[in-house]
Amino acid sequence: MSEQAHILVIEDDMANRRGLVRALTRAGHKVEAFARADPALDYLREHRDVVLVITDLMMPGTDGFGVLTAVQEIRPRTGLLMITGHATVESAVDAMKQGADDYLTKPVNLDELRTRVANLIQKVRDRDRREELEERLYGKFVKLIGNSKAMQDLFRQMELVAGARSNVLIVGASGTGKELVANALHEHSPRHEARFLPINCAAIPAEILESELFGHEKGAFTGATARKVGKFELADGGTLFLDEIGELPLEMQVKLLRVLEQREFMRVGGTETIRVDIRLVAATNQDLETMVEQGRFRNDLYYRLKVVTLRIPPLSEREGDVRLLANHFLDEFAKENGRESMSFTPEAMAALVNARWVGNVRELRNLVESLVVLAPADEIRLSDLPEEYRDPGTSVGPAADAVKKDRQDRQTQTMEEIERRAILDALEKTGGNRTQAAELLGIGLRTLQRKIKDYRMAGKAEGH
């Protein structure tokens, strides 16, 4: 017997109505039935525990489409099953497109009715649990997803930091969601009505970075045909997010430090001092302390930036979050592509949970989007996953032991070793294509090229 539920039936034909009530009651459900839509909708407004509405399509007064619209307004999570005659199946399909969950044709097969109802009840309750879980887990940071202790700790830190005026340094591997965290801090700060402006320090050539940050006056240099307002000025009153801050040239680090200390600057080629009130949030996937020791990053700027430091854990440290994220991305992309009934088989999900995720959340998100587009059926099977994700860790024996040992080894590696391994993996996955590897890693092409040179990996990317 299916899980019991409170069901509302709307059917103007008495014989059909009694048949539906009898079948559903025998299945253990609590059923209320009405011959007209209006009193049934009044009942729905007063009984918020109704899980499913079953309505005839063609009725005097408010018809099935009217019921569908009203249910979506009264309680959007409630499921709706449309019943229609054979001559109006096309209309029932239209109702599905407008949000109905399923439909049956008359005369209704009662065994099929019970099966469909059981499936819809499960679907509605899964939807309820998912939305309630999201509300409980993510709180106000609705775009950040994670039930792991590491992410819950991060959320608690963010709640404390969001309302402060202090600069924030966000550290974490590529693909962990540093810009999402920065944006969330802005959206829940007193500055939320002003602008949040992101700028990627690695993506902008050094010779024009100063103009991008501080703006320039007409005639300041060749090609400066008009005044340009920079990001610092545009972000006045709001938040400026400098991603990949470790890529900032040393001469620009000096100028940035002055702005942070004095809260003023001049446009390139200008003589007017411009005062700004901004909050600076910076992010990096590099070890800035090591860069300071190597003379590649200013010590005084480093300590000015790291007034508050937030560390985003890599996906490998977020136990349980892969399943949560995979299902979230599946829902998102399935809806975008009109395949809302998609799901993972247990074997496919187990493989995802055991995958290495060098590219972190970004890699998982991109994979799920690809699966939604390319999977031949609505159920994503292990065989649908690219070969590199069919993890031997889902089985037992020597292969599983090797995977386990590899993960343990990575936990004792230095940041440089981890970074070098991540770059090698990305180059291998992209056949040595540096542009694609940089995109997978979430860093600028210039940054990747420098690191390839630093780590003497040029041979891995020859020809690209």
Foldseek 3Di string as FASTA:
>chain_A
DFDEAEEEEEAQDPVLQVVQVVLNVVVPYHYDYYPDQPVSLVVCLVDVRHQEYEYEQDHPDQGPLNNLVSCCVRPVLHAYEYEYAPVCVVVVVVVVVVPHDYYYYPPGDSVVVVVVVSVSSVVSVVVVVLVVCLCVQCPQLNVDDADFPLVSVLSVVLVVQLADQAFEEEEEFAQLCPVSSVLSSQCSYPLNVADEAEDEQQADDLVCVLCQAAWAADPLDPPRNHTGHHPQVRRFSGEYEYEQVLNHFPVVLVVVLCCLVVQWDAHRVGDDIDHGRYHYYYYHHDDVVVCCVVVSHPPSSVVSNPPDYRYRYFPVNRPPRQLVLLVVLLCVLCVVVVLNLADEDPQLSLLSNLADPLLGSNLSSVQSNVLSVPPPDSYHYLVSHPPNSNQPCSDDDDSVVVSVVVVVVVVPDDSLVSVVVSLLVLLVVVVLDLVSSCVSRVHDSVVSVVSCVVVVVVVSNPPD
